[in-house]
Amino acid sequence: MNTELVGNEAGLLTYFDFNEGIAGGTNTSITTVTNKANNALNGTLNNFTRTGTSSNFVGNSVSSTEIIGAATICGNTTTQYSHQISGGTWSVSSGASATISTSGLLTATTNAASTTAPSASVAPVVVEIPLIPA
């Protein structure tokens, strides 16, 4: 879940990862960014000085974007989920037999599978709620 795209994913038309250059370095020789999904549609950098700490490539400040919480819970139980990036709205997949509060507390109402995420910009986690015989 914590990986970059490759560029050959189904339906992907363009993918610019902006991994060119050195963060805060002198990158004036870089004038394009590569479209990893289709090299024929590369991007041209305009009005971008590519030197120093502004108007340049920057490093990644997010070390982990994973949702923290149980991958498996039983029906009729609760578990807490969290994410290091604040804000957003927690949600569960359509038709899921679970609810989730604004703080990330998931309540499984029956045995089913549920997908949960704090916002659309964070990759969701699939939570399995297995059928436990009575």
Protein backbone atom coordinates (compact mmCIF):
# COMPACT_ATOMS: atom_id res chain seq x y z
CA MET A 1 0.00 0.00 0.00
CA ASN A 2 2.90 2.35 0.61
CA THR A 3 4.41 2.15 -2.85
CA GLU A 4 4.64 4.34 -5.91
CA LEU A 5 2.89 3.42 -9.10
CA VAL A 6 4.89 1.63 -11.79
CA GLY A 7 3.25 3.32 -14.77
CA ASN A 8 1.73 0.26 -16.41
CA GLU A 9 -1.43 0.06 -14.26
CA ALA A 10 -4.66 -0.62 -16.15
CA GLY A 11 -6.43 2.56 -17.27
CA LEU A 12 -3.55 4.87 -16.28
CA LEU A 13 -3.11 7.51 -18.98
CA THR A 14 -0.48 9.77 -17.44
CA TYR A 15 1.77 9.45 -14.40
CA PHE A 16 4.28 12.13 -13.39
CA ASP A 17 6.07 11.27 -10.13
CA PHE A 18 8.38 14.35 -10.21
CA ASN A 19 11.24 12.18 -8.90
CA GLU A 20 13.67 13.91 -11.22
CA GLY A 21 16.38 16.09 -9.73
CA ILE A 22 17.78 16.58 -6.25
CA ALA A 23 15.66 18.23 -3.57
CA GLY A 24 16.91 21.83 -3.12
CA GLY A 25 19.82 21.23 -5.53
CA THR A 26 20.75 22.74 -8.87
CA ASN A 27 18.43 21.06 -11.36
CA THR A 28 18.56 23.60 -14.20
CA SER A 29 19.44 20.92 -16.77
CA ILE A 30 16.07 19.21 -16.17
CA THR A 31 13.48 20.73 -18.49
CA THR A 32 10.91 17.92 -18.62
CA VAL A 33 9.23 15.42 -16.34
CA THR A 34 8.74 11.92 -17.69
CA ASN A 35 5.28 10.48 -18.12
CA LYS A 36 5.87 6.97 -16.80
CA ALA A 37 2.60 5.72 -18.30
CA ASN A 38 3.35 6.94 -21.83
CA ASN A 39 6.74 8.46 -22.67
CA ALA A 40 5.23 10.19 -25.70
CA LEU A 41 3.37 12.62 -23.44
CA ASN A 42 6.14 14.05 -21.23
CA GLY A 43 5.66 17.37 -19.40
CA THR A 44 7.65 20.56 -20.00
CA LEU A 45 8.66 22.60 -16.94
CA ASN A 46 7.80 26.31 -17.32
CA ASN A 47 8.37 29.15 -14.82
CA PHE A 48 10.21 26.76 -12.52
CA THR A 49 13.79 27.87 -11.66
CA ARG A 50 14.91 24.46 -10.35
CA THR A 51 17.57 25.88 -7.96
CA GLY A 52 17.63 26.47 -4.20
CA THR A 53 14.85 25.82 -1.72
CA SER A 54 11.97 27.44 -3.61
CA SER A 55 10.69 26.77 -7.13
CA ASN A 56 12.52 23.46 -7.09
CA PHE A 57 12.05 19.76 -6.43
CA VAL A 58 11.42 18.97 -2.77
CA GLY A 59 11.86 15.86 -0.67
CA ASN A 60 8.99 13.74 0.58
CA SER A 61 7.91 14.75 4.07
CA VAL A 62 5.49 11.86 4.57
CA SER A 63 7.30 8.78 5.83
CA SER A 64 4.25 6.54 6.09
CA THR A 65 0.77 6.89 4.70
CA GLU A 66 -0.60 3.64 6.03
CA ILE A 67 -3.79 3.46 8.04
CA ILE A 68 -3.08 2.05 11.49
CA GLY A 69 -5.54 -0.49 12.85
CA ALA A 70 -6.57 -4.14 12.81
CA ALA A 71 -6.76 -5.97 9.47
CA THR A 72 -9.25 -8.50 10.87
CA ILE A 73 -12.02 -8.01 13.42
CA CYS A 74 -15.03 -10.11 14.43
CA GLY A 75 -18.63 -9.13 13.76
CA ASN A 76 -20.34 -7.08 16.48
CA THR A 77 -17.02 -5.62 17.70
CA THR A 78 -15.21 -2.29 17.39
CA THR A 79 -11.66 -1.27 16.56
CA GLN A 80 -9.91 2.10 16.31
CA TYR A 81 -8.17 3.28 13.11
CA SER A 82 -5.81 6.23 12.78
CA HIS A 83 -3.73 8.01 10.16
CA GLN A 84 -0.84 10.46 10.58
CA ILE A 85 -2.39 13.04 8.23
CA SER A 86 -5.13 14.92 10.04
CA GLY A 87 -8.39 16.03 8.51
CA GLY A 88 -10.56 14.25 6.00
CA THR A 89 -13.64 12.15 6.60
CA TRP A 90 -13.58 8.47 7.53
CA SER A 91 -15.81 6.24 5.42
CA VAL A 92 -16.57 2.58 4.78
CA SER A 93 -17.28 0.97 1.43
CA SER A 94 -20.78 1.05 0.03
CA GLY A 95 -22.85 -1.88 1.28
CA ALA A 96 -20.43 -2.65 4.12
CA SER A 97 -21.82 -4.19 7.29
CA ALA A 98 -19.93 -1.69 9.40
CA THR A 99 -20.00 1.95 10.44
CA ILE A 100 -17.13 4.29 11.25
CA SER A 101 -17.15 7.40 13.42
CA THR A 102 -15.51 10.74 12.67
CA SER A 103 -12.63 9.68 14.93
CA GLY A 104 -12.02 6.40 13.03
CA LEU A 105 -13.82 3.98 15.39
CA LEU A 106 -15.09 1.10 13.22
CA THR A 107 -18.07 -0.92 14.44
CA ALA A 108 -18.60 -4.20 12.61
CA THR A 109 -22.30 -5.04 12.72
CA THR A 110 -22.13 -8.46 10.99
CA ASN A 111 -19.58 -10.74 9.40
CA ALA A 112 -18.46 -9.16 6.09
CA ALA A 113 -15.59 -7.39 4.36
CA SER A 114 -15.25 -3.62 4.65
CA THR A 115 -12.99 -0.99 3.09
CA THR A 116 -12.16 2.06 5.16
CA ALA A 117 -10.14 5.26 4.60
CA PRO A 118 -9.85 8.68 6.28
CA SER A 119 -10.22 10.60 3.00
CA ALA A 120 -10.26 10.13 -0.76
CA SER A 121 -6.58 11.12 -0.97
CA VAL A 122 -5.42 8.21 1.22
CA ALA A 123 -5.31 4.65 -0.07
CA PRO A 124 -8.00 2.61 1.71
CA VAL A 125 -7.41 -0.49 3.82
CA VAL A 126 -9.56 -3.60 3.42
CA VAL A 127 -10.73 -4.91 6.77
CA GLU A 128 -11.80 -8.55 6.82
CA ILE A 129 -14.60 -9.40 9.23
CA PRO A 130 -14.61 -13.22 8.97
CA LEU A 131 -17.58 -15.46 9.62
CA ILE A 132 -17.03 -17.00 13.07
CA PRO A 133 -19.26 -20.06 13.73
CA ALA A 134 -21.45 -19.73 16.82
